[in-house]
């Protein structure tokens, strides 16, 4: 009687390691002039705001329109932190053709304008003469103009203004509710002209000179911010003073008037607490980066809600505008907070804006070289899957392999297949070129024993097959059979129903190799074999 060492193996996704996520920036379009913002109107086009006063269309193939969608260069004062800065399309743009532009104008006295424009009969050309001024603000100096504008999930228009510039907010505009500097406004522009104040704005009915259009305060220079397309939560990149850059968060539906703390606080530290109230009255940032670490000006981003890169889903992605400092993400920690992680290798790119297309895939613009980039998962390949065959463990194919037992590297275990030498939790870290690693789920080997070769072995035949396969030698505990691709995705699953030799129809699968496994009632993988489909 011949015998073979074997292991009882359990799969445990709960013990799966958290692979580091790294993004890449793929050039998508070029030839843009000082791009600063990205927007979409609900179709496949992207609209890129150029600081001098033009808006250009980029089609799905990455072609940039030669004729601007809008040209208001003649009325824009551009340069430094001035210019055409923000764009938002009305929620009903498909029928109304209306959109909103935030820009600075004027010479001796700088003025911020938020204006409504209308598209012409040509969907690729807007009418510059259709401008209706919705809101204007005299700026004390030329910097800290904010500039972003966006529609919230409630259908109202939100407008961001900086603190009026200079250094250290000398007039404490960020804490002054009698002016809109350092604030985010919330207005209703659904009427035929002008705007009204939503009844649930936090300062509606306040006494004195408090402005009812203010929705949030305590901001220094909210250059780029936006709403989570799924939840409606607000994320703000607020550019700091001398020491800190911060990201702020506010949940959807809460109109209680958040105060984000400037100039009382910069990041988590006090800055100028004259006439400030207690710390509990201010909203602390969810992420802070120091200038000492190389950061210069935070560029607020978006929460990834696209469908192409599952590992990015739910992560808020943002960057610094300075080359060689990189990108970061914030993901929920399960306890109401966020985990901050670096997701981008250092690269010589001067990010000025981050936005999404109608499919909620992310893009970024480089104000330095005029390139529009597509934000992608650099390592989108599926995690490896471990197959147990008698006394061995085999990983799906990769470029390199590092095996772990109970979280520790197994010396010399760097091949695709290893022998099971002891009980414990096994994983494999698969390497893919270039510079990508993915980690398998844990396989728990809970008992070693002997297997009698007189017992019929689990078999799957024929292989290759055009359509039908038959299973034989099925372990007694088996209750169902599962067919997976080599990336571990389930393609077919059906009950065995006590059949000694069940059959499966694989005619609906594409040509290629698959794993056929039998499972116990609790989902434990008992045995699996490889089969080739070849129609």
Protein backbone atom coordinates (compact mmCIF):
# COMPACT_ATOMS: atom_id res chain seq x y z
CA UNK A 1 0.00 0.00 0.00
CA UNK A 2 1.53 3.31 -1.15
CA UNK A 3 0.83 6.41 0.95
CA UNK A 4 1.33 10.15 0.51
CA UNK A 5 1.53 13.03 2.98
CA UNK A 6 -1.42 15.37 2.53
CA UNK A 7 -3.10 18.27 4.30
CA UNK A 8 -6.65 19.24 5.15
CA UNK A 9 -6.93 22.78 3.77
CA UNK A 10 -9.39 25.56 4.58
CA UNK A 11 -9.70 28.83 2.70
CA UNK A 12 -10.02 31.99 4.80
CA UNK A 13 -10.62 35.28 2.99
CA UNK A 14 -10.86 37.09 6.34
CA UNK A 15 -7.13 36.56 6.77
CA UNK A 16 -6.26 37.97 3.34
CA UNK A 17 -3.41 40.46 3.47
CA UNK A 18 -4.03 44.06 2.40
CA UNK A 19 -1.89 44.65 -0.67
CA UNK A 20 -0.48 48.13 -1.11
CA UNK A 21 -2.22 50.02 -3.89
CA UNK A 22 -0.11 51.99 -6.37
CA UNK A 23 -1.60 54.20 -9.06
CA UNK A 24 -0.11 55.20 -12.38
CA UNK A 25 -0.79 58.27 -14.50
CA UNK A 26 -1.30 57.38 -18.15
CA UNK A 27 -1.07 60.30 -20.62
CA UNK A 28 -4.51 60.69 -22.20
CA UNK A 29 -4.37 64.06 -24.01
CA UNK A 30 -1.75 66.75 -24.58
CA UNK A 31 -1.38 70.26 -25.94
CA UNK A 32 -3.49 71.97 -23.30
CA UNK A 33 -2.48 75.44 -22.09
CA UNK A 34 -2.29 75.82 -18.29
CA UNK A 35 -5.15 73.39 -17.49
CA UNK A 36 -6.57 73.80 -13.99
CA UNK A 37 -9.93 71.99 -13.80
CA UNK A 38 -11.80 68.99 -15.22
CA UNK A 39 -15.56 68.52 -15.59
CA UNK A 40 -18.10 66.44 -17.53
CA UNK A 41 -21.66 67.15 -18.61
CA UNK A 42 -22.98 63.59 -18.38
CA UNK A 43 -21.75 62.24 -21.69
CA UNK A 44 -18.38 60.82 -22.81
CA UNK A 45 -16.64 64.17 -23.24
CA UNK A 46 -14.28 65.81 -20.77
CA UNK A 47 -14.16 69.60 -20.45
CA UNK A 48 -10.80 71.10 -19.48
CA UNK A 49 -10.58 74.61 -18.05
CA UNK A 50 -7.53 76.56 -19.24
CA UNK A 51 -6.48 79.33 -16.89
CA UNK A 52 -6.36 82.11 -19.49
CA UNK A 53 -10.10 81.80 -20.15
CA UNK A 54 -10.80 78.96 -22.56
CA UNK A 55 -12.55 75.63 -22.04
CA UNK A 56 -11.64 72.78 -24.36
CA UNK A 57 -13.29 69.45 -25.04
CA UNK A 58 -11.38 66.16 -24.95
CA UNK A 59 -13.17 63.30 -26.70
CA UNK A 60 -13.06 59.64 -25.53
CA UNK A 61 -10.07 58.98 -27.80
CA UNK A 62 -8.01 61.76 -26.18
CA UNK A 63 -8.37 64.29 -29.00
CA UNK A 64 -8.42 67.95 -27.92
CA UNK A 65 -10.81 70.29 -29.69
CA UNK A 66 -9.13 73.01 -31.74
CA UNK A 67 -12.17 75.26 -31.36
CA UNK A 68 -12.78 76.10 -27.69
CA UNK A 69 -16.08 75.13 -26.12
CA UNK A 70 -15.97 78.57 -24.48
CA UNK A 71 -13.60 81.50 -25.00
CA UNK A 72 -13.79 84.39 -22.52
CA UNK A 73 -10.12 85.34 -22.60
CA UNK A 74 -11.12 88.95 -23.25
CA UNK A 75 -12.77 89.24 -19.84
CA UNK A 76 -10.46 87.09 -17.66
CA UNK A 77 -7.57 88.47 -15.57
CA UNK A 78 -5.17 85.53 -15.51
CA UNK A 79 -1.81 84.75 -13.92
CA UNK A 80 -0.57 83.45 -10.59
CA UNK A 81 -3.70 82.37 -8.69
CA UNK A 82 -6.00 84.40 -10.95
CA UNK A 83 -7.82 83.26 -14.06
CA UNK A 84 -10.57 80.99 -15.28
CA UNK A 85 -10.62 78.58 -12.34
CA UNK A 86 -13.73 76.39 -12.15
CA UNK A 87 -16.54 74.81 -14.17
CA UNK A 88 -19.77 73.01 -13.26
CA UNK A 89 -22.59 71.78 -15.47
CA UNK A 90 -26.18 72.14 -14.28
CA UNK A 91 -27.82 68.86 -13.23
CA UNK A 92 -30.34 69.39 -16.04
CA UNK A 93 -27.69 70.37 -18.61
CA UNK A 94 -28.97 67.81 -21.13
CA UNK A 95 -32.18 69.84 -21.46
CA UNK A 96 -31.22 73.35 -20.27
CA UNK A 97 -27.74 73.64 -21.79
CA UNK A 98 -26.66 75.77 -18.82
CA UNK A 99 -23.29 75.68 -17.06
CA UNK A 100 -21.37 77.81 -14.55
CA UNK A 101 -17.86 79.28 -14.70
CA UNK A 102 -15.83 80.75 -11.83
CA UNK A 103 -13.22 83.31 -12.99
CA UNK A 104 -11.42 86.48 -11.94
CA UNK A 105 -11.73 89.73 -13.84
CA UNK A 106 -10.83 93.40 -13.45
CA UNK A 107 -7.50 95.19 -13.42
CA UNK A 108 -6.98 97.71 -10.63
CA UNK A 109 -9.63 95.93 -8.55
CA UNK A 110 -9.79 92.16 -8.86
CA UNK A 111 -13.29 90.65 -8.91
CA UNK A 112 -14.36 87.02 -8.72
CA UNK A 113 -17.28 86.20 -11.00
CA UNK A 114 -19.52 83.16 -11.01
CA UNK A 115 -21.48 83.31 -14.25
CA UNK A 116 -24.04 81.19 -16.07
CA UNK A 117 -23.56 80.42 -19.76
CA UNK A 118 -25.59 78.48 -22.33
CA UNK A 119 -24.50 76.09 -25.06
CA UNK A 120 -25.43 76.83 -28.67
CA UNK A 121 -27.17 74.51 -31.13
CA UNK A 122 -23.71 73.04 -31.67
CA UNK A 123 -23.09 70.85 -28.59
CA UNK A 124 -19.35 71.53 -28.85
CA UNK A 125 -19.63 75.34 -28.76
CA UNK A 126 -21.07 77.59 -26.04
CA UNK A 127 -22.26 81.17 -26.49
CA UNK A 128 -19.91 83.62 -24.70
CA UNK A 129 -22.56 86.34 -25.08
CA UNK A 130 -25.07 84.31 -23.05
CA UNK A 131 -23.26 85.20 -19.81
CA UNK A 132 -25.43 86.01 -16.82
CA UNK A 133 -23.53 87.12 -13.72
CA UNK A 134 -24.81 85.08 -10.77
CA UNK A 135 -22.41 86.14 -8.01
CA UNK A 136 -19.49 88.58 -7.76
CA UNK A 137 -16.96 89.34 -5.05
CA UNK A 138 -14.33 92.06 -4.81
CA UNK A 139 -11.01 90.45 -3.88
CA UNK A 140 -8.70 92.33 -1.45
CA UNK A 141 -5.51 91.01 -3.11
CA UNK A 142 -4.66 88.71 -6.00
CA UNK A 143 -4.10 85.38 -4.22
CA UNK A 144 -6.34 82.89 -2.36
CA UNK A 145 -9.28 83.21 -4.75
CA UNK A 146 -10.49 79.65 -4.33
CA UNK A 147 -12.11 79.05 -7.68
CA UNK A 148 -13.87 75.69 -7.54
CA UNK A 149 -17.59 75.40 -8.17
CA UNK A 150 -19.75 72.28 -8.10
CA UNK A 151 -23.29 71.02 -7.77
CA UNK A 152 -24.02 69.00 -4.65
CA UNK A 153 -26.19 65.88 -4.47
CA UNK A 154 -29.03 68.18 -3.36
CA UNK A 155 -28.96 70.02 -6.71
CA UNK A 156 -27.69 73.28 -5.23
CA UNK A 157 -24.64 75.17 -6.49
CA UNK A 158 -21.66 75.33 -4.12
CA UNK A 159 -19.01 78.05 -4.58
CA UNK A 160 -15.62 78.13 -2.85
CA UNK A 161 -13.75 81.33 -1.98
CA UNK A 162 -10.33 81.75 -0.35
CA UNK A 163 -9.70 84.01 2.63
CA UNK A 164 -8.88 87.07 0.52
CA UNK A 165 -5.15 86.52 0.31
CA UNK A 166 -2.08 88.12 1.78
CA UNK A 167 -0.42 86.17 4.64
CA UNK A 168 -2.09 84.69 7.70
CA UNK A 169 -5.59 86.04 6.93
CA UNK A 170 -4.82 89.42 8.62
CA UNK A 171 -8.49 90.44 8.71
CA UNK A 172 -9.75 87.06 9.95
CA UNK A 173 -12.08 86.63 6.98
CA UNK A 174 -12.16 82.86 7.52
CA UNK A 175 -14.00 83.36 10.83
CA UNK A 176 -16.20 86.27 9.69
CA UNK A 177 -19.72 85.27 8.66
CA UNK A 178 -20.50 88.81 7.45
CA UNK A 179 -18.39 88.27 4.32
CA UNK A 180 -17.96 85.23 2.07
CA UNK A 181 -14.15 85.13 2.05
CA UNK A 182 -12.83 81.83 3.39
CA UNK A 183 -16.26 80.23 2.92
CA UNK A 184 -18.21 77.83 0.76
CA UNK A 185 -21.56 79.21 -0.43
CA UNK A 186 -24.68 77.17 -1.20
CA UNK A 187 -27.27 78.72 -3.51
CA UNK A 188 -30.24 77.63 -5.61
CA UNK A 189 -29.83 78.49 -9.28
CA UNK A 190 -32.73 76.43 -10.60
CA UNK A 191 -34.79 79.51 -11.44
CA UNK A 192 -34.83 81.25 -14.78
CA UNK A 193 -32.50 84.02 -13.53
CA UNK A 194 -30.35 84.83 -10.52
CA UNK A 195 -30.38 82.69 -7.42
CA UNK A 196 -32.22 82.12 -4.16
CA UNK A 197 -31.08 80.93 -0.71
CA UNK A 198 -32.02 77.36 0.26
CA UNK A 199 -34.28 77.40 3.29
CA UNK A 200 -32.10 74.89 5.16
CA UNK A 201 -28.85 76.84 4.84
CA UNK A 202 -27.31 77.06 8.33
CA UNK A 203 -27.48 80.84 8.68
CA UNK A 204 -30.93 81.50 7.24
CA UNK A 205 -32.74 83.74 9.74
CA UNK A 206 -29.60 84.62 11.68
CA UNK A 207 -29.57 88.06 13.28
CA UNK A 208 -27.17 90.84 12.34
CA UNK A 209 -25.09 90.88 9.18
CA UNK A 210 -24.48 87.11 8.92
CA UNK A 211 -24.83 86.11 5.27
CA UNK A 212 -27.40 83.35 4.65
CA UNK A 213 -25.67 82.11 1.49
CA UNK A 214 -22.72 80.86 3.58
CA UNK A 215 -22.78 77.10 4.10
CA UNK A 216 -19.26 76.42 5.51
CA UNK A 217 -16.48 78.64 6.87
CA UNK A 218 -12.95 78.57 8.26
CA UNK A 219 -11.09 77.84 5.00
CA UNK A 220 -7.83 79.36 3.81
CA UNK A 221 -7.82 78.55 0.10
CA UNK A 222 -10.10 75.66 -0.96
CA UNK A 223 -8.57 75.38 -4.42
CA UNK A 224 -9.97 71.94 -5.34
CA UNK A 225 -12.85 70.12 -3.66
CA UNK A 226 -15.73 67.90 -4.67
CA UNK A 227 -18.51 65.52 -3.72
CA UNK A 228 -18.37 61.75 -3.50
CA UNK A 229 -20.47 60.62 -6.48
CA UNK A 230 -21.90 57.71 -4.47
CA UNK A 231 -22.46 59.10 -0.96
CA UNK A 232 -22.56 62.86 -1.53
CA UNK A 233 -19.93 63.49 1.15
CA UNK A 234 -17.80 66.61 0.65
CA UNK A 235 -13.98 66.43 0.46
CA UNK A 236 -11.89 69.62 0.47
CA UNK A 237 -8.23 70.18 -0.27
CA UNK A 238 -7.46 73.36 1.70
CA UNK A 239 -4.11 74.92 0.81
CA UNK A 240 -2.09 75.80 3.92
CA UNK A 241 0.08 78.66 5.13
CA UNK A 242 3.70 77.88 6.03
CA UNK A 243 3.62 74.50 7.73
CA UNK A 244 0.68 72.25 6.82
CA UNK A 245 -1.56 71.12 3.96
CA UNK A 246 -4.89 69.63 4.94
CA UNK A 247 -7.79 67.57 3.65
CA UNK A 248 -11.21 68.22 5.17
CA UNK A 249 -14.32 66.04 5.16
CA UNK A 250 -17.99 66.72 5.81
CA UNK A 251 -20.81 64.14 5.56
CA UNK A 252 -23.66 64.51 3.10
CA UNK A 253 -26.93 65.97 4.34
CA UNK A 254 -25.47 67.82 7.33
CA UNK A 255 -26.26 71.52 6.88
CA UNK A 256 -25.23 72.59 10.37
CA UNK A 257 -22.56 75.05 9.19
CA UNK A 258 -19.14 73.40 9.54
CA UNK A 259 -16.24 75.66 10.52
CA UNK A 260 -12.92 74.17 9.39
CA UNK A 261 -10.85 76.31 11.73
CA UNK A 262 -8.70 78.73 9.72
CA UNK A 263 -7.12 81.09 10.90
CA UNK A 264 -7.44 79.74 14.42
CA UNK A 265 -5.81 76.50 13.29
CA UNK A 266 -3.48 75.39 10.53
CA UNK A 267 -3.72 71.63 10.24
CA UNK A 268 -3.96 70.31 13.81
CA UNK A 269 -1.90 73.17 15.30
CA UNK A 270 -2.99 76.57 16.57
CA UNK A 271 -2.12 79.47 14.26
CA UNK A 272 -3.78 82.64 15.54
CA UNK A 273 -6.39 82.11 18.24
CA UNK A 274 -7.33 85.75 18.75
CA UNK A 275 -11.14 85.92 19.12
CA UNK A 276 -11.38 82.15 18.57
CA UNK A 277 -13.68 79.85 20.51
CA UNK A 278 -12.95 76.42 21.94
CA UNK A 279 -11.28 73.74 19.83
CA UNK A 280 -14.46 71.64 19.90
CA UNK A 281 -16.20 74.21 17.69
CA UNK A 282 -13.97 73.51 14.70
CA UNK A 283 -13.84 70.58 12.32
CA UNK A 284 -10.43 68.94 12.37
CA UNK A 285 -8.85 67.77 9.10
CA UNK A 286 -8.85 64.07 8.23
CA UNK A 287 -5.34 64.29 6.76
CA UNK A 288 -2.40 66.66 7.17
CA UNK A 289 0.91 66.86 5.28
CA UNK A 290 3.85 69.02 6.36
CA UNK A 291 5.89 71.41 4.27
CA UNK A 292 8.91 69.90 5.98
CA UNK A 293 8.15 66.67 4.09
CA UNK A 294 8.17 68.52 0.76
CA UNK A 295 4.50 69.38 0.38
CA UNK A 296 3.59 72.75 -1.08
CA UNK A 297 -0.13 72.98 -2.01
CA UNK A 298 -2.68 70.20 -1.65
CA UNK A 299 -4.80 69.41 -4.71
CA UNK A 300 -8.11 68.00 -3.55
CA UNK A 301 -9.34 65.02 -5.53
CA UNK A 302 -12.25 62.62 -5.68
CA UNK A 303 -13.39 59.33 -4.18
CA UNK A 304 -12.94 56.72 -6.89
CA UNK A 305 -16.31 55.26 -7.86
CA UNK A 306 -15.45 53.90 -11.31
CA UNK A 307 -15.80 50.28 -12.28
CA UNK A 308 -12.50 49.56 -14.00
CA UNK A 309 -10.19 49.35 -10.97
CA UNK A 310 -11.90 47.58 -8.04
CA UNK A 311 -8.95 48.06 -5.65
CA UNK A 312 -9.33 51.85 -5.94
CA UNK A 313 -13.04 51.83 -5.18
CA UNK A 314 -13.94 53.91 -2.15
CA UNK A 315 -10.53 55.56 -1.85
CA UNK A 316 -10.25 59.35 -1.81
CA UNK A 317 -7.28 60.16 -4.06
CA UNK A 318 -5.46 63.48 -3.83
CA UNK A 319 -2.03 64.97 -4.54
CA UNK A 320 0.42 67.78 -3.97
CA UNK A 321 1.05 70.25 -6.78
CA UNK A 322 4.82 69.99 -6.38
CA UNK A 323 6.72 67.38 -8.41
CA UNK A 324 8.42 64.61 -6.41
CA UNK A 325 5.96 64.52 -3.48
CA UNK A 326 3.38 62.11 -4.87
CA UNK A 327 -0.19 61.01 -4.37
CA UNK A 328 -2.08 59.69 -1.34
CA UNK A 329 -5.35 57.95 -0.63
CA UNK A 330 -7.70 57.92 2.32
CA UNK A 331 -9.82 54.80 2.86
CA UNK A 332 -12.30 54.09 5.67
CA UNK A 333 -10.81 52.34 8.71
CA UNK A 334 -14.13 50.82 9.76
CA UNK A 335 -14.37 52.97 12.89
CA UNK A 336 -15.40 56.29 11.40
CA UNK A 337 -11.88 57.42 10.53
CA UNK A 338 -9.57 57.02 7.57
CA UNK A 339 -6.32 55.25 6.78
CA UNK A 340 -3.79 57.38 4.89
CA UNK A 341 -1.54 55.60 2.38
CA UNK A 342 0.92 56.68 -0.26
CA UNK A 343 -0.32 55.38 -3.62
CA UNK A 344 1.94 57.04 -6.16
CA UNK A 345 5.67 56.78 -6.74
CA UNK A 346 7.44 60.12 -6.95
CA UNK A 347 7.08 61.64 -10.43
CA UNK A 348 7.89 65.03 -12.05
CA UNK A 349 4.28 66.11 -12.52
CA UNK A 350 2.72 69.42 -11.36
CA UNK A 351 -0.88 68.42 -10.63
CA UNK A 352 -3.34 71.31 -10.74
CA UNK A 353 -6.71 69.56 -10.85
CA UNK A 354 -8.30 66.14 -10.38
CA UNK A 355 -11.71 65.20 -11.76
CA UNK A 356 -13.83 62.38 -13.13
CA UNK A 357 -15.65 61.51 -16.32
CA UNK A 358 -19.27 60.39 -16.59
CA UNK A 359 -18.18 56.77 -15.90
CA UNK A 360 -16.54 58.05 -12.68
CA UNK A 361 -13.03 57.15 -13.81
CA UNK A 362 -10.43 59.63 -12.53
CA UNK A 363 -8.27 62.08 -14.49
CA UNK A 364 -5.69 64.72 -13.54
CA UNK A 365 -4.18 67.72 -15.31
CA UNK A 366 -0.61 68.96 -15.21
CA UNK A 367 -0.45 72.76 -15.37
CA UNK A 368 3.25 72.54 -16.19
CA UNK A 369 3.24 70.58 -19.45
CA UNK A 370 -0.45 70.75 -20.42
CA UNK A 371 -1.09 67.01 -20.19
CA UNK A 372 -4.33 65.30 -19.18
CA UNK A 373 -3.61 62.02 -17.39
CA UNK A 374 -5.79 59.02 -16.71
CA UNK A 375 -5.50 57.69 -13.14
CA UNK A 376 -5.21 53.89 -13.14
CA UNK A 377 -4.35 51.04 -10.80
CA UNK A 378 -0.75 50.21 -11.69
CA UNK A 379 -1.25 46.61 -10.54
CA UNK A 380 -4.76 45.57 -11.68
CA UNK A 381 -3.95 41.89 -12.04
CA UNK A 382 -5.92 39.53 -9.78
CA UNK A 383 -4.37 38.19 -6.61
CA UNK A 384 -2.83 34.73 -6.95
CA UNK A 385 -4.89 31.66 -6.08
CA UNK A 386 -3.36 28.70 -4.22
CA UNK A 387 -4.29 25.23 -5.45
CA UNK A 388 -3.85 22.24 -3.16
CA UNK A 389 -2.98 19.05 -5.00
CA UNK A 390 -2.28 16.16 -2.62
CA UNK A 391 0.77 17.20 -0.57
CA UNK A 392 1.66 20.32 -2.55
CA UNK A 393 0.50 23.93 -2.88
CA UNK A 394 0.69 25.59 -6.28
CA UNK A 395 0.21 29.29 -7.08
CA UNK A 396 -1.37 30.59 -10.25
CA UNK A 397 1.22 31.96 -12.66
CA UNK A 398 3.28 35.06 -11.82
CA UNK A 399 6.81 36.35 -12.42
CA UNK A 400 8.06 35.52 -8.92
CA UNK A 401 6.82 33.82 -5.76
CA UNK A 402 7.41 34.32 -2.05
CA UNK A 403 5.65 31.81 0.21
CA UNK A 404 4.59 32.63 3.76
CA UNK A 405 3.70 30.38 6.67
CA UNK A 406 1.89 32.02 9.57
CA UNK A 407 2.88 35.41 8.16
CA UNK A 408 6.62 34.65 8.01
CA UNK A 409 8.63 34.06 4.85
CA UNK A 410 9.52 30.41 4.24
CA UNK A 411 13.25 30.22 3.54
CA UNK A 412 13.95 29.11 -0.03
CA UNK A 413 10.25 28.85 -0.97
CA UNK A 414 10.36 30.92 -4.15
CA UNK A 415 8.94 28.51 -6.72
CA UNK A 416 5.42 28.18 -8.06
CA UNK A 417 4.85 24.88 -6.21
CA UNK A 418 5.91 23.96 -2.67
CA UNK A 419 5.49 20.87 -0.48
CA UNK A 420 3.23 21.01 2.62
CA UNK A 421 5.64 20.36 5.48
CA UNK A 422 3.60 21.49 8.50
CA UNK A 423 0.21 22.77 9.54
CA UNK A 424 -0.45 26.51 9.56
CA UNK A 425 -1.61 29.46 7.46
CA UNK A 426 -0.09 29.54 3.98
CA UNK A 427 0.03 32.49 1.59
CA UNK A 428 1.94 33.37 -1.53
CA UNK A 429 3.08 36.85 -2.57
CA UNK A 430 3.17 36.89 -6.36
CA UNK A 431 5.39 39.39 -8.13
CA UNK A 432 4.50 40.89 -11.49
CA UNK A 433 6.68 43.08 -13.67
CA UNK A 434 7.05 45.97 -13.20
CA UNK A 435 7.10 46.48 -9.44
CA UNK A 436 3.73 44.92 -8.60
CA UNK A 437 2.98 42.42 -5.87
CA UNK A 438 -0.33 40.73 -5.07
CA UNK A 439 -0.97 38.49 -2.09
CA UNK A 440 -3.21 35.42 -2.04
CA UNK A 441 -5.84 34.59 0.50
CA UNK A 442 -4.75 32.38 3.37
CA UNK A 443 -5.04 28.61 3.11
CA UNK A 444 -5.20 27.03 6.54
CA UNK A 445 -3.64 23.58 6.70
CA UNK A 446 -5.12 22.21 9.91
CA UNK A 447 -4.07 18.55 9.87
CA UNK A 448 -1.45 16.34 8.26
CA UNK A 449 -2.16 12.72 7.61
CA UNK A 450 -1.93 9.88 5.11
CA UNK A 451 -4.02 9.18 2.09
CA UNK A 452 -4.63 5.59 0.92
CA UNK A 453 -4.03 5.33 -2.81
CA UNK A 454 -6.70 2.62 -2.96
CA UNK A 455 -9.27 5.39 -2.42
CA UNK A 456 -10.48 6.74 -5.73
CA UNK A 457 -8.80 10.07 -6.50
CA UNK A 458 -10.85 13.11 -7.49
CA UNK A 459 -10.85 13.34 -11.31
CA UNK A 460 -12.18 15.78 -13.92
CA UNK A 461 -12.39 14.59 -17.52
CA UNK A 462 -12.10 14.99 -20.41
CA UNK A 463 -9.50 17.75 -20.60
CA UNK A 464 -9.45 19.52 -22.92
CA UNK A 465 -13.21 19.63 -23.37
CA UNK A 466 -15.59 21.39 -25.73
CA UNK A 467 -18.56 21.48 -23.41
CA UNK A 468 -19.33 18.73 -20.87
CA UNK A 469 -17.04 17.46 -18.11
CA UNK A 470 -17.62 14.63 -15.64
CA UNK A 471 -16.42 14.45 -12.04
CA UNK A 472 -15.45 11.23 -10.30
CA UNK A 473 -13.81 10.24 -7.01
CA UNK A 474 -15.67 13.02 -5.22
CA UNK A 475 -14.82 13.30 -1.48
CA UNK A 476 -17.68 12.26 0.81
CA UNK A 477 -18.13 15.71 2.33
CA UNK A 478 -18.67 17.40 -1.03
CA UNK A 479 -21.96 19.26 -1.52
CA UNK A 480 -21.26 21.46 -4.53
CA UNK A 481 -18.84 22.02 -7.37
CA UNK A 482 -17.34 25.36 -8.40
CA UNK A 483 -15.54 26.37 -11.61
CA UNK A 484 -13.12 29.32 -11.30
CA UNK A 485 -10.83 31.09 -13.72
CA UNK A 486 -7.14 31.26 -12.83
CA UNK A 487 -7.72 34.65 -11.22
CA UNK A 488 -10.01 33.05 -8.64
CA UNK A 489 -13.30 34.42 -10.04
CA UNK A 490 -16.25 32.02 -9.81
CA UNK A 491 -17.65 31.19 -13.25
CA UNK A 492 -20.04 28.31 -12.42
CA UNK A 493 -21.32 26.88 -9.16
CA UNK A 494 -23.89 24.11 -8.72
CA UNK A 495 -25.00 21.54 -6.16
CA UNK A 496 -23.78 17.95 -6.46
CA UNK A 497 -27.05 16.57 -5.00
CA UNK A 498 -25.50 13.26 -4.02
CA UNK A 499 -24.53 12.28 -7.54
CA UNK A 500 -21.50 10.01 -7.77
CA UNK A 501 -20.53 11.28 -11.23
CA UNK A 502 -22.08 14.70 -11.81
CA UNK A 503 -21.59 16.53 -15.10
CA UNK A 504 -21.08 20.23 -15.79
CA UNK A 505 -21.71 22.15 -18.99
CA UNK A 506 -18.75 24.45 -19.76
CA UNK A 507 -19.94 25.46 -23.22
CA UNK A 508 -20.54 29.02 -22.06
CA UNK A 509 -16.92 29.57 -20.99
CA UNK A 510 -14.25 31.08 -23.21
CA UNK A 511 -11.29 28.98 -24.29
CA UNK A 512 -8.66 28.67 -21.58
CA UNK A 513 -7.68 26.95 -18.34
CA UNK A 514 -10.03 26.75 -15.36
CA UNK A 515 -10.04 25.26 -11.85
CA UNK A 516 -12.77 22.79 -10.92
CA UNK A 517 -13.18 22.33 -7.17
CA UNK A 518 -15.52 20.47 -4.85
CA UNK A 519 -16.61 22.15 -1.62
CA UNK A 520 -18.08 21.10 1.70
CA UNK A 521 -21.30 22.64 3.00
CA UNK A 522 -19.38 25.33 4.90
CA UNK A 523 -17.52 26.40 1.76
CA UNK A 524 -14.29 24.54 2.55
CA UNK A 525 -12.40 23.67 -0.62
CA UNK A 526 -11.79 19.91 -0.47
CA UNK A 527 -10.14 19.15 -3.82
CA UNK A 528 -9.62 20.88 -7.13
CA UNK A 529 -8.29 20.06 -10.55
CA UNK A 530 -7.40 22.02 -13.66
CA UNK A 531 -9.39 21.63 -16.89
CA UNK A 532 -8.87 23.16 -20.33
CA UNK A 533 -11.81 24.44 -22.39
CA UNK A 534 -11.17 24.31 -26.12
CA UNK A 535 -14.21 24.84 -28.34
